[in-house]
Every structure is written in structure tokens, then in C-alpha cells.
């Protein structure tokens, strides 16, 4: 049986402290990590989620993940 791993994460980005939802999905048989990030309120987070995900991507790359 194939397992998949799904990890939700809540973020409170400064300075406004609005809650953002970030999800990581790691299929067991695939060498990828699927990521979804969204602001809970409003239509724009002014690029905060994109910058956070880029930081995470670079950190994982530095760890050879």
C-alpha cells in the first residue's frame, strides 16, 4: 500500500500577523514535494507566501532534499 504524507502548517508573518495556510504533500513514490500556500483573509498577501516558500525551497536545496 502506497503511503502519502500531508503536513499542514500555519504561519503568522510579521508585521501584520495574518494567518496563512501552507500545506506540504510528499508522495512516497515520487521525488517531489508539492506545496500550497494561501492567505486566509483577503485576496493578496503582497508576496509574503511566495517569499516564504522560496526560503523553504532554498533551505531544502542546501540540505540536498
PDB file of N, CA and C in Angstrom:
ATOM      1  N   UNK A   1       0.843  -1.181   0.000  1.00  0.00           N
ATOM      2  CA  UNK A   1       0.000   0.000   0.000  1.00  0.00           C
ATOM      3  C   UNK A   1       0.886   1.241   0.000  1.00  0.00           C
ATOM      4  N   UNK A   2       0.627   2.132  -0.948  1.00  0.00           N
ATOM      5  CA  UNK A   2       1.410   3.364  -1.052  1.00  0.00           C
ATOM      6  C   UNK A   2       0.956   4.379  -0.011  1.00  0.00           C
ATOM      7  N   UNK A   3       1.923   4.945   0.706  1.00  0.00           N
ATOM      8  CA  UNK A   3       1.600   5.973   1.682  1.00  0.00           C
ATOM      9  C   UNK A   3       1.922   7.343   1.113  1.00  0.00           C
ATOM     10  N   UNK A   4       1.159   8.322   1.523  1.00  0.00           N
ATOM     11  CA  UNK A   4       1.465   9.697   1.183  1.00  0.00           C
ATOM     12  C   UNK A   4       1.523  10.487   2.480  1.00  0.00           C
ATOM     13  N   UNK A   5       2.284  11.543   2.457  1.00  0.00           N
ATOM     14  CA  UNK A   5       2.453  12.356   3.645  1.00  0.00           C
ATOM     15  C   UNK A   5       1.976  13.767   3.358  1.00  0.00           C
ATOM     16  N   UNK A   6       1.091  14.251   4.204  1.00  0.00           N
ATOM     17  CA  UNK A   6       0.498  15.572   4.064  1.00  0.00           C
ATOM     18  C   UNK A   6       0.729  16.308   5.375  1.00  0.00           C
ATOM     19  N   UNK A   7       1.329  17.485   5.315  1.00  0.00           N
ATOM     20  CA  UNK A   7       1.638  18.238   6.518  1.00  0.00           C
ATOM     21  C   UNK A   7       1.093  19.653   6.398  1.00  0.00           C
ATOM     22  N   UNK A   8       0.102  20.008   7.217  1.00  0.00           N
ATOM     23  CA  UNK A   8      -0.376  21.392   7.226  1.00  0.00           C
ATOM     24  C   UNK A   8       0.489  22.247   8.150  1.00  0.00           C
ATOM     25  N   UNK A   9       0.571  23.526   7.852  1.00  0.00           N
ATOM     26  CA  UNK A   9       1.369  24.456   8.636  1.00  0.00           C
ATOM     27  C   UNK A   9       0.659  25.802   8.659  1.00  0.00           C
ATOM     28  N   UNK A  10       0.606  26.428   9.804  1.00  0.00           N
ATOM     29  CA  UNK A  10       0.063  27.783   9.913  1.00  0.00           C
ATOM     30  C   UNK A  10       1.220  28.741  10.131  1.00  0.00           C
ATOM     31  N   UNK A  11       1.169  29.895   9.470  1.00  0.00           N
ATOM     32  CA  UNK A  11       2.219  30.893   9.612  1.00  0.00           C
ATOM     33  C   UNK A  11       1.608  32.218  10.030  1.00  0.00           C
ATOM     34  N   UNK A  12       2.318  32.936  10.870  1.00  0.00           N
ATOM     35  CA  UNK A  12       1.919  34.282  11.283  1.00  0.00           C
ATOM     36  C   UNK A  12       3.028  35.247  10.866  1.00  0.00           C
ATOM     37  N   UNK A  13       2.974  35.728   9.616  1.00  0.00           N
ATOM     38  CA  UNK A  13       4.059  36.578   9.137  1.00  0.00           C
ATOM     39  C   UNK A  13       3.999  37.971   9.759  1.00  0.00           C
ATOM     40  N   UNK A  14       5.144  38.472  10.211  1.00  0.00           N
ATOM     41  CA  UNK A  14       5.182  39.841  10.719  1.00  0.00           C
ATOM     42  C   UNK A  14       5.112  40.805   9.551  1.00  0.00           C
ATOM     43  N   UNK A  15       4.748  42.033   9.687  1.00  0.00           N
ATOM     44  CA  UNK A  15       4.383  42.671  10.952  1.00  0.00           C
ATOM     45  C   UNK A  15       2.892  42.602  11.253  1.00  0.00           C
ATOM     46  N   UNK A  16       2.098  42.212  10.266  1.00  0.00           N
ATOM     47  CA  UNK A  16       0.642  42.260  10.460  1.00  0.00           C
ATOM     48  C   UNK A  16       0.096  41.067  11.216  1.00  0.00           C
ATOM     49  N   UNK A  17       0.726  39.918  11.098  1.00  0.00           N
ATOM     50  CA  UNK A  17       0.316  38.746  11.851  1.00  0.00           C
ATOM     51  C   UNK A  17      -0.927  38.046  11.337  1.00  0.00           C
ATOM     52  N   UNK A  18      -1.256  38.216  10.050  1.00  0.00           N
ATOM     53  CA  UNK A  18      -2.385  37.481   9.485  1.00  0.00           C
ATOM     54  C   UNK A  18      -1.997  36.017   9.319  1.00  0.00           C
ATOM     55  N   UNK A  19      -2.939  35.132   9.553  1.00  0.00           N
ATOM     56  CA  UNK A  19      -2.672  33.693   9.459  1.00  0.00           C
ATOM     57  C   UNK A  19      -2.655  33.259   8.000  1.00  0.00           C
ATOM     58  N   UNK A  20      -1.615  32.515   7.632  1.00  0.00           N
ATOM     59  CA  UNK A  20      -1.503  31.915   6.303  1.00  0.00           C
ATOM     60  C   UNK A  20      -1.506  30.408   6.460  1.00  0.00           C
ATOM     61  N   UNK A  21      -2.095  29.720   5.502  1.00  0.00           N
ATOM     62  CA  UNK A  21      -2.093  28.255   5.482  1.00  0.00           C
ATOM     63  C   UNK A  21      -1.073  27.783   4.462  1.00  0.00           C
ATOM     64  N   UNK A  22      -0.230  26.851   4.864  1.00  0.00           N
ATOM     65  CA  UNK A  22       0.751  26.241   3.976  1.00  0.00           C
ATOM     66  C   UNK A  22       0.628  24.733   4.124  1.00  0.00           C
ATOM     67  N   UNK A  23       0.611  24.033   2.999  1.00  0.00           N
ATOM     68  CA  UNK A  23       0.479  22.574   3.011  1.00  0.00           C
ATOM     69  C   UNK A  23       1.615  21.958   2.209  1.00  0.00           C
ATOM     70  N   UNK A  24       2.171  20.889   2.737  1.00  0.00           N
ATOM     71  CA  UNK A  24       3.203  20.120   2.049  1.00  0.00           C
ATOM     72  C   UNK A  24       2.672  18.716   1.817  1.00  0.00           C
ATOM     73  N   UNK A  25       2.802  18.233   0.605  1.00  0.00           N
ATOM     74  CA  UNK A  25       2.334  16.901   0.240  1.00  0.00           C
ATOM     75  C   UNK A  25       3.526  16.143  -0.339  1.00  0.00           C
ATOM     76  N   UNK A  26       3.863  15.021   0.277  1.00  0.00           N
ATOM     77  CA  UNK A  26       5.032  14.250  -0.124  1.00  0.00           C
ATOM     78  C   UNK A  26       4.614  12.855  -0.558  1.00  0.00           C
ATOM     79  N   UNK A  27       4.392  12.638  -1.841  1.00  0.00           N
ATOM     80  CA  UNK A  27       4.060  11.288  -2.305  1.00  0.00           C
ATOM     81  C   UNK A  27       5.252  10.359  -2.116  1.00  0.00           C
ATOM     82  N   UNK A  28       5.000   9.173  -1.590  1.00  0.00           N
ATOM     83  CA  UNK A  28       6.072   8.245  -1.240  1.00  0.00           C
ATOM     84  C   UNK A  28       6.897   7.811  -2.455  1.00  0.00           C
ATOM     85  N   UNK A  29       6.258   7.580  -3.573  1.00  0.00           N
ATOM     86  CA  UNK A  29       6.948   7.029  -4.740  1.00  0.00           C
ATOM     87  C   UNK A  29       7.439   8.093  -5.719  1.00  0.00           C
ATOM     88  N   UNK A  30       7.339   9.349  -5.374  1.00  0.00           N
ATOM     89  CA  UNK A  30       7.756  10.428  -6.266  1.00  0.00           C
ATOM     90  C   UNK A  30       8.816  11.286  -5.585  1.00  0.00           C
ATOM     91  N   UNK A  31       9.825  11.733  -6.331  1.00  0.00           N
ATOM     92  CA  UNK A  31      10.887  12.554  -5.750  1.00  0.00           C
ATOM     93  C   UNK A  31      10.542  14.044  -5.758  1.00  0.00           C
ATOM     94  N   UNK A  32       9.325  14.372  -5.353  1.00  0.00           N
ATOM     95  CA  UNK A  32       8.881  15.767  -5.366  1.00  0.00           C
ATOM     96  C   UNK A  32       8.181  16.106  -4.051  1.00  0.00           C
ATOM     97  N   UNK A  33       8.075  17.381  -3.788  1.00  0.00           N
ATOM     98  CA  UNK A  33       7.284  17.883  -2.672  1.00  0.00           C
ATOM     99  C   UNK A  33       6.310  18.898  -3.260  1.00  0.00           C
ATOM    100  N   UNK A  34       5.028  18.624  -3.127  1.00  0.00           N
ATOM    101  CA  UNK A  34       4.007  19.552  -3.600  1.00  0.00           C
ATOM    102  C   UNK A  34       3.707  20.530  -2.471  1.00  0.00           C
ATOM    103  N   UNK A  35       3.607  21.810  -2.803  1.00  0.00           N
ATOM    104  CA  UNK A  35       3.392  22.834  -1.794  1.00  0.00           C
ATOM    105  C   UNK A  35       2.256  23.741  -2.226  1.00  0.00           C
ATOM    106  N   UNK A  36       1.433  24.106  -1.253  1.00  0.00           N
ATOM    107  CA  UNK A  36       0.334  25.054  -1.485  1.00  0.00           C
ATOM    108  C   UNK A  36       0.357  26.042  -0.326  1.00  0.00           C
ATOM    109  N   UNK A  37       0.249  27.334  -0.641  1.00  0.00           N
ATOM    110  CA  UNK A  37       0.205  28.359   0.395  1.00  0.00           C
ATOM    111  C   UNK A  37      -0.859  29.382   0.023  1.00  0.00           C
ATOM    112  N   UNK A  38      -1.604  29.820   1.030  1.00  0.00           N
ATOM    113  CA  UNK A  38      -2.673  30.788   0.778  1.00  0.00           C
ATOM    114  C   UNK A  38      -2.932  31.629   2.020  1.00  0.00           C
ATOM    115  N   UNK A  39      -3.268  32.883   1.791  1.00  0.00           N
ATOM    116  CA  UNK A  39      -3.672  33.762   2.882  1.00  0.00           C
ATOM    117  C   UNK A  39      -5.104  33.410   3.264  1.00  0.00           C
ATOM    118  N   UNK A  40      -5.413  33.405   4.546  1.00  0.00           N
ATOM    119  CA  UNK A  40      -6.776  33.105   4.988  1.00  0.00           C
ATOM    120  C   UNK A  40      -7.728  34.268   4.744  1.00  0.00           C
ATOM    121  N   UNK A  41      -7.219  35.471   4.854  1.00  0.00           N
ATOM    122  CA  UNK A  41      -8.049  36.653   4.684  1.00  0.00           C
ATOM    123  C   UNK A  41      -7.570  37.469   3.492  1.00  0.00           C
ATOM    124  N   UNK A  42      -8.512  38.087   2.806  1.00  0.00           N
ATOM    125  CA  UNK A  42      -8.160  38.980   1.710  1.00  0.00           C
ATOM    126  C   UNK A  42      -7.791  38.251   0.438  1.00  0.00           C
ATOM    127  N   UNK A  43      -7.377  39.037  -0.540  1.00  0.00           N
ATOM    128  CA  UNK A  43      -7.047  38.490  -1.848  1.00  0.00           C
ATOM    129  C   UNK A  43      -5.555  38.502  -2.132  1.00  0.00           C
ATOM    130  N   UNK A  44      -4.777  39.218  -1.335  1.00  0.00           N
ATOM    131  CA  UNK A  44      -3.352  39.311  -1.577  1.00  0.00           C
ATOM    132  C   UNK A  44      -2.597  39.344  -0.257  1.00  0.00           C
ATOM    133  N   UNK A  45      -1.422  38.720  -0.267  1.00  0.00           N
ATOM    134  CA  UNK A  45      -0.545  38.792   0.910  1.00  0.00           C
ATOM    135  C   UNK A  45       0.725  39.562   0.567  1.00  0.00           C
ATOM    136  N   UNK A  46       0.683  40.273  -0.574  1.00  0.00           N
ATOM    137  CA  UNK A  46       1.796  41.103  -1.031  1.00  0.00           C
ATOM    138  C   UNK A  46       3.078  40.296  -1.251  1.00  0.00           C
ATOM    139  N   UNK A  47       2.915  39.041  -1.643  1.00  0.00           N
ATOM    140  CA  UNK A  47       4.054  38.192  -1.970  1.00  0.00           C
ATOM    141  C   UNK A  47       4.728  37.502  -0.795  1.00  0.00           C
ATOM    142  N   UNK A  48       4.137  37.601   0.397  1.00  0.00           N
ATOM    143  CA  UNK A  48       4.744  37.011   1.589  1.00  0.00           C
ATOM    144  C   UNK A  48       4.832  35.492   1.460  1.00  0.00           C
ATOM    145  N   UNK A  49       3.773  34.836   1.009  1.00  0.00           N
ATOM    146  CA  UNK A  49       3.790  33.377   0.878  1.00  0.00           C
ATOM    147  C   UNK A  49       4.843  32.920  -0.120  1.00  0.00           C
ATOM    148  N   UNK A  50       4.933  33.594  -1.242  1.00  0.00           N
ATOM    149  CA  UNK A  50       5.929  33.225  -2.261  1.00  0.00           C
ATOM    150  C   UNK A  50       7.340  33.335  -1.692  1.00  0.00           C
ATOM    151  N   UNK A  51       7.640  34.417  -0.997  1.00  0.00           N
ATOM    152  CA  UNK A  51       8.972  34.587  -0.418  1.00  0.00           C
ATOM    153  C   UNK A  51       9.256  33.510   0.641  1.00  0.00           C
ATOM    154  N   UNK A  52       8.262  33.180   1.461  1.00  0.00           N
ATOM    155  CA  UNK A  52       8.447  32.144   2.470  1.00  0.00           C
ATOM    156  C   UNK A  52       8.725  30.795   1.817  1.00  0.00           C
ATOM    157  N   UNK A  53       7.969  30.465   0.773  1.00  0.00           N
ATOM    158  CA  UNK A  53       8.174  29.182   0.097  1.00  0.00           C
ATOM    159  C   UNK A  53       9.530  29.131  -0.604  1.00  0.00           C
ATOM    160  N   UNK A  54       9.982  30.249  -1.142  1.00  0.00           N
ATOM    161  CA  UNK A  54      11.311  30.290  -1.748  1.00  0.00           C
ATOM    162  C   UNK A  54      12.392  30.063  -0.693  1.00  0.00           C
ATOM    163  N   UNK A  55      12.224  30.624   0.487  1.00  0.00           N
ATOM    164  CA  UNK A  55      13.181  30.397   1.571  1.00  0.00           C
ATOM    165  C   UNK A  55      13.217  28.919   1.963  1.00  0.00           C
ATOM    166  N   UNK A  56      12.042  28.307   2.046  1.00  0.00           N
ATOM    167  CA  UNK A  56      11.970  26.880   2.374  1.00  0.00           C
ATOM    168  C   UNK A  56      12.621  26.054   1.275  1.00  0.00           C
ATOM    169  N   UNK A  57      12.361  26.411   0.015  1.00  0.00           N
ATOM    170  CA  UNK A  57      12.952  25.679  -1.113  1.00  0.00           C
ATOM    171  C   UNK A  57      14.476  25.754  -1.075  1.00  0.00           C
ATOM    172  N   UNK A  58      15.009  26.944  -0.831  1.00  0.00           N
ATOM    173  CA  UNK A  58      16.465  27.094  -0.757  1.00  0.00           C
ATOM    174  C   UNK A  58      17.044  26.320   0.423  1.00  0.00           C
ATOM    175  N   UNK A  59      16.344  26.309   1.553  1.00  0.00           N
ATOM    176  CA  UNK A  59      16.817  25.560   2.728  1.00  0.00           C
ATOM    177  C   UNK A  59      16.843  24.061   2.427  1.00  0.00           C
ATOM    178  N   UNK A  60      15.796  23.550   1.766  1.00  0.00           N
ATOM    179  CA  UNK A  60      15.773  22.132   1.408  1.00  0.00           C
ATOM    180  C   UNK A  60      16.865  21.802   0.397  1.00  0.00           C
ATOM    181  N   UNK A  61      17.115  22.716  -0.530  1.00  0.00           N
ATOM    182  CA  UNK A  61      18.180  22.507  -1.505  1.00  0.00           C
ATOM    183  C   UNK A  61      19.543  22.458  -0.810  1.00  0.00           C
ATOM    184  N   UNK A  62      19.764  23.335   0.163  1.00  0.00           N
ATOM    185  CA  UNK A  62      21.023  23.326   0.911  1.00  0.00           C
ATOM    186  C   UNK A  62      21.220  22.013   1.676  1.00  0.00           C
ATOM    187  N   UNK A  63      20.113  21.381   2.066  1.00  0.00           N
ATOM    188  CA  UNK A  63      20.169  20.105   2.770  1.00  0.00           C
ATOM    189  C   UNK A  63      20.170  18.902   1.830  1.00  0.00           C
ATOM    190  N   UNK A  64      20.193  19.182   0.521  1.00  0.00           N
ATOM    191  CA  UNK A  64      20.137  18.135  -0.518  1.00  0.00           C
ATOM    192  C   UNK A  64      18.876  17.293  -0.416  1.00  0.00           C
ATOM    193  N   UNK A  65      17.771  17.946  -0.136  1.00  0.00           N
ATOM    194  CA  UNK A  65      16.472  17.253  -0.064  1.00  0.00           C
ATOM    195  C   UNK A  65      15.667  17.621  -1.301  1.00  0.00           C
TER     196      UNK A  65
END
